[in-house]
Amino acid sequence: MQSTPQVVVVGGGLAGLVAARHLADGGADVAVLERRDTVGGRVRTHEQDGYRFDRGFQVLFPAYSAVKRELDLEALELRRFTSGATIVGTDHRTVLADPRQRPELLPATLANSDVTLGDQLRLARLWWELRRTDPAAFFEDDHRTDSSIGRYLRKRGFSEPFIERFFAPFYGGITLDRSLSTSSRVFEYTFATLAEGGAAVPATGMGAIPAQLADRVRAAGGRLETGVDVTAVSSADNSATVTTTDGETVAADAVVVATDPPTARELTDLESIPTAARACVTQYYTLPAGVDLETGTRLLLNAVDDDAPNHVVPHSAVAPAYAPDGSTLLSATYLGEPAASDDELAERTRLALETWYPDQRFEALETLRTDRIEFAQFDQPPGTHDRLPDTRDPEGAVYLAGDYTRWSSIQGAMESGRVAAQAVLEDVSK
């Protein structure tokens, strides 16, 4: 009779949690070792004084195939953004909205001075075309050309003003790359997914996602051990061992490394793991309830690349439980690693709001939290995804699970966890 496989998963982010659940469902004895006090990795929500602060700007694309497979979306009570955006600049605000979702905004969208009729027709055509494409083809079809997002959009005929005023800040928020130098594969996949299901957040914050995944690990029989920092991973004789900071060694039939990219490279010595990072700073603010940004549940996109934030999110309008009753919560995200202090960034946001809304004053803007995230995503220029490591690339009985084996996204992280679990179960059964 074959013994139960013993598997250790290093890292309790989305990839590690998904891997652990599938391993446990497949009959393995699984332990997840997470160095922090809570699971979730980069996807976390901090609660304080009745407010909920996600760690940086994060949203969920409900139409991601892995999201639909791994999560109970109904239980998350998703709160949805309105597709489109409010495009803002000096004394300037225009609306771009999906008329299927908000038909009453069709006149404002058609009259948008930032978008020509030609751009709107090209956008509709792109929306229709990509939505009809199998998402797997965006990364797996060798016949699809991989270029930068900027080059891709110009080849599609979009006007330069529309690219600069809408696509640059919108995809600046998704890829943390306002220059649009990220791979067009990422653009096509995310654009198609948004066309199908839009963007949303769980009612109680993005942290509800890893919390649900953790519950599923426990329900399947897996163990979650937090506060355990793994310093080394080794493999020999069809088995693997992890070493923790206190010198303890844990032997297993297989180890799945599901940490952040720099730690994964350090533990496995795989140079193919990408470590060039995209960074951002997200600040959360509160305003008196009477202040109206006139954007509803749409993002505010900065049409001008200056000292102002790339985008502003009306959190409490989208998900009221993010703020106490009678309070307004919004955030501003700055791309990269600005040297300005927290106070200086808050002042930039206040001045930007007063520029965008010249008939309002924002002296009451109060900063609640600042998250400086040095490694929010790995950099994804054209060609990157052809060079990413495979889940079996580490030596011996060591496997990889992380978005850096697929592409930088919640989809990539969750899919990588499933793929890693499948590889382990196949190999230990031989």
Protein backbone atom coordinates (compact mmCIF):
# COMPACT_ATOMS: atom_id res chain seq x y z
CA MET A 1 0.00 0.00 0.00
CA GLN A 2 1.43 3.38 -1.02
CA SER A 3 2.06 5.78 1.88
CA THR A 4 0.53 9.24 2.04
CA PRO A 5 2.78 11.81 0.30
CA GLN A 6 4.22 14.40 2.68
CA VAL A 7 4.40 17.84 1.07
CA VAL A 8 5.57 21.20 2.43
CA VAL A 9 4.43 24.42 0.76
CA VAL A 10 6.71 27.37 1.49
CA GLY A 11 4.65 30.56 1.36
CA GLY A 12 1.00 31.23 2.13
CA GLY A 13 0.12 33.62 -0.67
CA LEU A 14 -2.55 32.87 -3.26
CA ALA A 15 -0.35 30.43 -5.18
CA GLY A 16 0.66 28.52 -2.06
CA LEU A 17 -2.87 28.31 -0.72
CA VAL A 18 -4.28 27.05 -4.01
CA ALA A 19 -1.45 24.51 -4.31
CA ALA A 20 -2.05 23.29 -0.75
CA ARG A 21 -5.79 22.87 -1.27
CA HIS A 22 -5.32 20.82 -4.46
CA LEU A 23 -2.56 18.73 -2.86
CA ALA A 24 -4.75 17.97 0.15
CA ASP A 25 -7.69 17.16 -2.11
CA GLY A 26 -5.36 14.80 -3.98
CA GLY A 27 -4.54 12.84 -0.85
CA ALA A 28 -1.29 14.46 0.27
CA ASP A 29 -0.43 15.42 3.85
CA VAL A 30 0.25 19.14 3.40
CA ALA A 31 1.76 21.81 5.64
CA VAL A 32 1.95 25.46 4.55
CA LEU A 33 4.81 27.41 6.16
CA GLU A 34 4.25 31.18 6.07
CA ARG A 35 6.77 33.64 7.52
CA ARG A 36 4.20 36.34 8.28
CA ASP A 37 1.57 36.12 11.01
CA THR A 38 -1.20 35.90 8.43
CA VAL A 39 -1.58 34.27 5.01
CA GLY A 40 -2.29 36.11 1.78
CA GLY A 41 1.10 37.36 0.63
CA ARG A 42 0.61 40.58 -1.32
CA VAL A 43 -3.19 40.30 -1.06
CA ARG A 44 -4.11 41.62 2.37
CA THR A 45 -6.56 43.99 4.05
CA HIS A 46 -5.73 45.99 7.17
CA GLU A 47 -8.63 47.02 9.40
CA GLN A 48 -8.42 50.06 11.68
CA ASP A 49 -11.01 52.33 13.29
CA GLY A 50 -13.78 50.98 11.08
CA TYR A 51 -11.81 51.42 7.84
CA ARG A 52 -10.52 48.69 5.54
CA PHE A 53 -7.28 49.29 3.64
CA ASP A 54 -6.18 46.87 0.95
CA ARG A 55 -2.41 46.62 0.58
CA GLY A 56 -1.98 48.95 -2.35
CA PHE A 57 -4.37 49.30 -5.26
CA GLN A 58 -5.90 45.87 -5.79
CA VAL A 59 -9.00 44.69 -7.60
CA LEU A 60 -10.38 41.29 -8.59
CA PHE A 61 -11.31 40.37 -12.15
CA PRO A 62 -14.19 37.92 -11.54
CA ALA A 63 -13.99 36.53 -15.07
CA TYR A 64 -10.49 35.10 -14.58
CA SER A 65 -10.83 31.34 -15.14
CA ALA A 66 -8.77 30.46 -12.05
CA VAL A 67 -10.82 32.87 -9.93
CA LYS A 68 -14.06 31.23 -11.04
CA ARG A 69 -12.58 27.78 -10.34
CA GLU A 70 -10.93 28.43 -6.96
CA LEU A 71 -13.29 30.91 -5.25
CA ASP A 72 -16.89 31.05 -4.14
CA LEU A 73 -17.59 34.46 -5.65
CA GLU A 74 -21.10 34.64 -4.23
CA ALA A 75 -19.74 34.26 -0.69
CA LEU A 76 -17.33 37.16 -1.29
CA GLU A 77 -20.31 39.50 -1.91
CA LEU A 78 -18.49 41.33 -4.67
CA ARG A 79 -18.88 45.08 -5.05
CA ARG A 80 -18.34 46.12 -8.65
CA PHE A 81 -16.73 49.11 -10.29
CA THR A 82 -18.52 50.75 -13.19
CA SER A 83 -16.67 49.89 -16.40
CA GLY A 84 -14.86 52.90 -17.80
CA ALA A 85 -13.47 55.89 -15.95
CA THR A 86 -13.67 59.58 -15.21
CA ILE A 87 -10.73 61.17 -17.03
CA VAL A 88 -9.42 64.21 -15.17
CA GLY A 89 -6.99 67.03 -15.86
CA THR A 90 -6.64 70.75 -15.23
CA ASP A 91 -10.20 72.12 -14.88
CA HIS A 92 -11.24 69.13 -16.95
CA ARG A 93 -13.37 66.01 -16.36
CA THR A 94 -14.87 63.69 -18.94
CA VAL A 95 -16.70 60.37 -18.68
CA LEU A 96 -15.97 57.14 -20.53
CA ALA A 97 -18.48 54.41 -19.65
CA ASP A 98 -19.77 51.14 -21.07
CA PRO A 99 -23.26 52.02 -22.38
CA ARG A 100 -24.39 48.41 -21.88
CA GLN A 101 -23.81 48.82 -18.16
CA ARG A 102 -24.80 52.47 -17.74
CA PRO A 103 -26.96 53.51 -20.73
CA GLU A 104 -27.73 56.87 -19.10
CA LEU A 105 -24.03 57.79 -19.53
CA LEU A 106 -24.05 57.22 -23.29
CA PRO A 107 -24.51 60.95 -24.12
CA ALA A 108 -21.59 61.92 -21.85
CA THR A 109 -19.42 59.19 -23.36
CA LEU A 110 -20.24 60.22 -26.93
CA ALA A 111 -19.53 63.85 -26.07
CA ASN A 112 -16.18 63.01 -24.42
CA SER A 113 -13.58 65.41 -25.80
CA ASP A 114 -10.78 63.02 -24.83
CA VAL A 115 -12.13 60.31 -27.13
CA THR A 116 -12.80 60.68 -30.84
CA LEU A 117 -15.64 58.78 -32.46
CA GLY A 118 -13.01 56.76 -34.28
CA ASP A 119 -11.39 55.80 -30.98
CA GLN A 120 -14.75 54.75 -29.58
CA LEU A 121 -15.43 52.55 -32.60
CA ARG A 122 -11.95 51.01 -32.37
CA LEU A 123 -12.48 50.40 -28.68
CA ALA A 124 -15.79 48.64 -29.32
CA ARG A 125 -14.22 46.52 -32.05
CA LEU A 126 -11.30 45.55 -29.82
CA TRP A 127 -13.72 44.76 -26.96
CA TRP A 128 -15.74 42.47 -29.24
CA GLU A 129 -12.74 40.81 -30.87
CA LEU A 130 -10.77 39.99 -27.72
CA ARG A 131 -13.82 38.82 -25.82
CA ARG A 132 -14.36 36.15 -28.49
CA THR A 133 -10.75 34.89 -28.21
CA ASP A 134 -9.78 31.94 -26.00
CA PRO A 135 -7.77 33.55 -23.15
CA ALA A 136 -5.17 30.77 -23.32
CA ALA A 137 -4.27 31.94 -26.82
CA PHE A 138 -2.94 35.26 -25.57
CA PHE A 139 0.08 33.56 -23.98
CA GLU A 140 0.23 30.19 -25.74
CA ASP A 141 -0.43 31.00 -29.40
CA ASP A 142 2.99 31.39 -31.03
CA HIS A 143 1.38 33.13 -34.01
CA ARG A 144 0.32 36.14 -31.89
CA THR A 145 2.87 38.93 -31.99
CA ASP A 146 4.17 40.08 -28.61
CA SER A 147 4.96 43.78 -28.57
CA SER A 148 4.63 46.61 -26.05
CA ILE A 149 1.13 47.78 -25.17
CA GLY A 150 1.89 51.19 -26.65
CA ARG A 151 3.00 49.75 -29.99
CA TYR A 152 0.00 47.40 -30.02
CA LEU A 153 -2.47 50.27 -29.51
CA ARG A 154 -0.86 52.43 -32.17
CA LYS A 155 -0.96 49.53 -34.63
CA ARG A 156 -4.69 49.23 -33.89
CA GLY A 157 -5.09 52.86 -34.93
CA PHE A 158 -5.92 54.52 -31.62
CA SER A 159 -5.17 58.24 -31.53
CA GLU A 160 -2.21 59.52 -29.54
CA PRO A 161 -4.35 61.72 -27.24
CA PHE A 162 -6.58 58.76 -26.34
CA ILE A 163 -3.58 56.53 -25.66
CA GLU A 164 -2.01 59.18 -23.42
CA ARG A 165 -5.18 60.28 -21.58
CA PHE A 166 -6.93 56.95 -21.10
CA PHE A 167 -4.80 53.88 -21.79
CA ALA A 168 -1.63 55.24 -20.10
CA PRO A 169 -3.25 55.90 -16.69
CA PHE A 170 -5.71 52.97 -16.92
CA TYR A 171 -3.02 50.42 -17.70
CA GLY A 172 -0.67 52.31 -15.43
CA GLY A 173 -2.99 51.11 -12.69
CA ILE A 174 -3.07 47.51 -13.92
CA THR A 175 0.60 47.04 -14.86
CA LEU A 176 2.15 49.88 -12.78
CA ASP A 177 3.69 51.00 -16.06
CA ARG A 178 2.32 54.24 -17.42
CA SER A 179 4.82 54.15 -20.29
CA LEU A 180 2.88 51.20 -21.78
CA SER A 181 6.11 49.23 -22.28
CA THR A 182 4.56 46.07 -20.76
CA SER A 183 3.86 43.03 -22.95
CA SER A 184 0.77 43.26 -25.15
CA ARG A 185 -0.08 39.72 -23.99
CA VAL A 186 -0.96 41.18 -20.60
CA PHE A 187 -3.07 43.85 -22.26
CA GLU A 188 -5.03 41.38 -24.38
CA TYR A 189 -5.70 38.99 -21.50
CA THR A 190 -6.81 41.67 -19.04
CA PHE A 191 -8.82 43.63 -21.60
CA ALA A 192 -10.71 40.50 -22.63
CA THR A 193 -11.34 39.60 -19.00
CA LEU A 194 -12.61 43.08 -18.19
CA ALA A 195 -14.89 42.91 -21.23
CA GLU A 196 -16.42 39.72 -19.86
CA GLY A 197 -16.72 40.46 -16.15
CA GLY A 198 -15.42 43.90 -15.19
CA ALA A 199 -13.59 44.59 -11.92
CA ALA A 200 -14.72 44.24 -8.32
CA VAL A 201 -13.63 43.92 -4.70
CA PRO A 202 -15.04 41.67 -1.97
CA ALA A 203 -17.43 43.57 0.31
CA THR A 204 -15.01 43.32 3.24
CA GLY A 205 -11.76 43.83 1.34
CA MET A 206 -9.33 41.87 -0.79
CA GLY A 207 -8.13 40.01 2.30
CA ALA A 208 -11.35 37.99 2.11
CA ILE A 209 -9.84 36.13 -0.86
CA PRO A 210 -6.89 34.46 0.95
CA ALA A 211 -9.13 33.98 4.00
CA GLN A 212 -11.52 31.91 1.90
CA LEU A 213 -8.67 29.98 0.30
CA ALA A 214 -7.20 29.25 3.74
CA ASP A 215 -10.55 27.90 4.92
CA ARG A 216 -10.56 25.58 1.92
CA VAL A 217 -7.08 24.33 2.76
CA ARG A 218 -8.17 23.49 6.30
CA ALA A 219 -11.39 21.87 5.09
CA ALA A 220 -9.33 19.63 2.79
CA GLY A 221 -7.11 18.59 5.71
CA GLY A 222 -4.10 20.84 5.13
CA ARG A 223 -2.25 22.66 7.92
CA LEU A 224 -1.32 26.35 8.00
CA GLU A 225 1.66 27.32 10.15
CA THR A 226 2.34 31.07 10.32
CA GLY A 227 5.36 32.83 11.74
CA VAL A 228 7.68 30.20 10.24
CA ASP A 229 10.51 31.59 8.10
CA VAL A 230 12.21 29.12 5.74
CA THR A 231 15.84 29.91 5.00
CA ALA A 232 16.88 26.95 2.83
CA VAL A 233 15.41 24.26 0.61
CA SER A 234 17.31 21.19 -0.61
CA SER A 235 16.57 17.95 -2.40
CA ALA A 236 18.18 14.52 -2.58
CA ASP A 237 17.09 10.90 -3.20
CA ASN A 238 13.56 11.79 -4.38
CA SER A 239 12.84 13.79 -1.23
CA ALA A 240 13.27 17.37 -0.08
CA THR A 241 14.06 19.25 3.11
CA VAL A 242 13.37 22.76 4.34
CA THR A 243 15.32 24.57 7.04
CA THR A 244 13.79 27.32 9.17
CA THR A 245 15.40 30.30 10.91
CA ASP A 246 15.45 28.46 14.25
CA GLY A 247 17.50 25.65 12.68
CA GLU A 248 14.67 23.13 12.46
CA THR A 249 14.65 20.85 9.41
CA VAL A 250 11.48 19.38 7.93
CA ALA A 251 11.72 16.45 5.52
CA ALA A 252 9.07 15.77 2.88
CA ASP A 253 8.46 13.86 -0.31
CA ALA A 254 8.17 17.20 -2.10
CA VAL A 255 8.49 20.93 -1.40
CA VAL A 256 6.58 23.60 -3.28
CA VAL A 257 8.26 27.02 -3.19
CA ALA A 258 5.46 29.58 -3.38
CA THR A 259 7.19 32.69 -2.04
CA ASP A 260 7.72 36.12 -3.59
CA PRO A 261 10.10 36.10 -6.60
CA PRO A 262 13.30 37.34 -4.87
CA THR A 263 12.90 34.77 -2.07
CA ALA A 264 12.07 32.00 -4.55
CA ARG A 265 15.24 32.75 -6.52
CA GLU A 266 17.28 32.74 -3.31
CA LEU A 267 15.84 29.39 -2.17
CA THR A 268 16.12 27.62 -5.56
CA ASP A 269 19.08 29.37 -7.27
CA LEU A 270 16.97 29.66 -10.44
CA GLU A 271 18.09 32.74 -12.36
CA SER A 272 15.04 32.49 -14.62
CA ILE A 273 12.83 33.72 -11.77
CA PRO A 274 12.24 37.43 -12.54
CA THR A 275 13.28 39.90 -9.85
CA ALA A 276 13.03 43.24 -11.69
CA ALA A 277 10.15 44.92 -9.89
CA ARG A 278 7.36 47.40 -10.46
CA ALA A 279 6.70 49.48 -7.35
CA CYS A 280 3.96 51.83 -6.21
CA VAL A 281 2.77 53.92 -3.28
CA THR A 282 -0.88 53.93 -2.28
CA GLN A 283 -2.27 56.44 0.21
CA TYR A 284 -5.70 56.24 1.82
CA TYR A 285 -7.66 59.34 2.80
CA THR A 286 -10.97 60.29 4.29
CA LEU A 287 -13.16 63.24 3.36
CA PRO A 288 -16.32 64.67 4.91
CA ALA A 289 -19.35 62.79 3.64
CA GLY A 290 -20.68 65.87 1.85
CA VAL A 291 -17.77 66.06 -0.61
CA ASP A 292 -18.82 64.58 -3.95
CA LEU A 293 -16.19 63.55 -6.50
CA GLU A 294 -18.98 63.10 -9.07
CA THR A 295 -17.53 59.83 -10.32
CA GLY A 296 -19.85 57.29 -8.75
CA THR A 297 -18.12 53.90 -8.79
CA ARG A 298 -15.67 54.77 -11.58
CA LEU A 299 -11.94 55.29 -11.23
CA LEU A 300 -10.49 58.77 -11.60
CA LEU A 301 -7.68 58.65 -14.18
CA ASN A 302 -5.04 61.36 -14.31
CA ALA A 303 -4.85 62.33 -17.99
CA VAL A 304 -1.65 64.36 -17.46
CA ASP A 305 1.63 62.72 -16.45
CA ASP A 306 2.79 65.09 -13.72
CA ASP A 307 3.28 65.07 -9.94
CA ALA A 308 -0.33 64.06 -9.36
CA PRO A 309 -1.31 60.45 -8.63
CA ASN A 310 -1.86 58.07 -11.52
CA HIS A 311 -5.40 57.30 -10.35
CA VAL A 312 -7.81 57.82 -7.47
CA VAL A 313 -10.24 55.17 -6.24
CA PRO A 314 -13.58 56.02 -4.54
CA HIS A 315 -13.49 52.98 -2.23
CA SER A 316 -16.48 53.69 0.00
CA ALA A 317 -18.64 54.44 -3.04
CA VAL A 318 -17.78 51.03 -4.50
CA ALA A 319 -17.82 49.06 -1.23
CA PRO A 320 -19.50 50.95 1.65
CA ALA A 321 -18.12 48.54 4.27
CA TYR A 322 -14.62 49.91 3.59
CA ALA A 323 -15.48 52.94 5.74
CA PRO A 324 -17.59 53.72 8.83
CA ASP A 325 -21.09 55.07 8.24
CA GLY A 326 -20.99 58.71 7.26
CA SER A 327 -17.34 58.59 6.13
CA THR A 328 -15.80 58.73 2.68
CA LEU A 329 -12.72 56.62 1.88
CA LEU A 330 -10.59 57.12 -1.22
CA SER A 331 -7.07 56.23 -2.23
CA ALA A 332 -4.46 57.65 -4.58
CA THR A 333 -1.74 55.56 -6.19
CA TYR A 334 1.65 56.86 -7.32
CA LEU A 335 3.70 54.66 -9.63
CA GLY A 336 7.31 53.74 -8.92
CA GLU A 337 9.14 54.76 -5.76
CA PRO A 338 8.65 58.52 -5.32
CA ALA A 339 11.18 60.11 -2.98
CA ALA A 340 8.56 62.50 -1.59
CA SER A 341 7.51 61.99 2.02
CA ASP A 342 4.07 60.75 3.00
CA ASP A 343 3.02 64.29 3.85
CA GLU A 344 4.33 65.62 0.54
CA LEU A 345 2.40 62.97 -1.39
CA ALA A 346 -0.78 63.79 0.51
CA GLU A 347 -0.31 67.46 -0.38
CA ARG A 348 0.15 66.51 -4.04
CA THR A 349 -3.12 64.60 -3.92
CA ARG A 350 -4.94 67.52 -2.32
CA LEU A 351 -3.63 69.95 -4.93
CA ALA A 352 -4.54 67.53 -7.72
CA LEU A 353 -8.11 67.22 -6.45
CA GLU A 354 -8.45 71.01 -6.27
CA THR A 355 -7.12 71.24 -9.85
CA TRP A 356 -9.58 68.62 -11.07
CA TYR A 357 -12.45 70.14 -9.07
CA PRO A 358 -11.82 73.93 -9.10
CA ASP A 359 -15.21 74.63 -7.53
CA GLN A 360 -14.39 72.55 -4.41
CA ARG A 361 -11.86 72.78 -1.58
CA PHE A 362 -10.08 69.79 -0.02
CA GLU A 363 -8.50 71.17 3.16
CA ALA A 364 -10.35 68.45 5.09
CA LEU A 365 -8.51 65.65 3.23
CA GLU A 366 -7.05 63.49 6.00
CA THR A 367 -4.39 60.85 5.39
CA LEU A 368 -5.15 57.54 7.09
CA ARG A 369 -2.52 55.14 5.76
CA THR A 370 0.38 54.90 3.32
CA ASP A 371 1.62 51.66 1.75
CA ARG A 372 4.98 51.78 -0.03
CA ILE A 373 5.22 48.54 -1.99
CA GLU A 374 8.67 47.93 -3.44
CA PHE A 375 7.72 44.69 -5.21
CA ALA A 376 4.10 44.95 -6.33
CA GLN A 377 4.64 43.08 -9.62
CA PHE A 378 7.53 41.71 -11.59
CA ASP A 379 8.38 43.66 -14.73
CA GLN A 380 6.82 42.19 -17.89
CA PRO A 381 8.32 43.67 -21.07
CA PRO A 382 7.66 41.88 -24.39
CA GLY A 383 9.24 38.42 -24.46
CA THR A 384 9.29 37.99 -20.68
CA HIS A 385 6.74 35.21 -20.55
CA ASP A 386 8.76 32.99 -22.89
CA ARG A 387 11.63 33.05 -20.39
CA LEU A 388 9.71 32.32 -17.17
CA PRO A 389 10.55 29.14 -15.24
CA ASP A 390 8.46 25.99 -15.25
CA THR A 391 7.03 24.53 -12.05
CA ARG A 392 9.47 21.56 -12.34
CA ASP A 393 12.60 23.62 -13.06
CA PRO A 394 14.16 23.38 -9.56
CA GLU A 395 16.32 20.31 -8.97
CA GLY A 396 14.90 17.15 -7.44
CA ALA A 397 11.64 17.09 -5.52
CA VAL A 398 11.31 20.89 -5.39
CA TYR A 399 8.59 22.69 -7.36
CA LEU A 400 7.61 26.30 -8.06
CA ALA A 401 4.21 27.93 -7.56
CA GLY A 402 3.96 31.65 -8.16
CA ASP A 403 2.70 34.10 -10.74
CA TYR A 404 6.30 34.32 -11.98
CA THR A 405 5.76 30.91 -13.63
CA ARG A 406 2.75 32.30 -15.59
CA TRP A 407 2.26 36.09 -15.62
CA SER A 408 1.95 38.72 -12.90
CA SER A 409 -1.69 38.62 -11.79
CA ILE A 410 -4.14 36.91 -9.46
CA GLN A 411 -4.96 34.62 -12.39
CA GLY A 412 -1.29 33.72 -12.79
CA ALA A 413 -0.82 33.06 -9.07
CA MET A 414 -3.88 30.84 -8.69
CA GLU A 415 -3.27 28.92 -11.90
CA SER A 416 0.35 28.30 -10.90
CA GLY A 417 -0.79 26.77 -7.62
CA ARG A 418 -3.04 24.29 -9.38
CA VAL A 419 -0.33 23.39 -11.92
CA ALA A 420 2.27 22.86 -9.18
CA ALA A 421 -0.05 20.61 -7.17
CA GLN A 422 -0.82 18.56 -10.27
CA ALA A 423 2.90 18.12 -11.01
CA VAL A 424 3.67 16.99 -7.45
CA LEU A 425 0.81 14.49 -7.36
CA GLU A 426 1.84 13.06 -10.73
CA ASP A 427 5.48 12.66 -9.69
CA VAL A 428 5.00 11.20 -6.21
CA SER A 429 2.61 8.58 -7.58
CA LYS A 430 5.23 7.17 -10.00
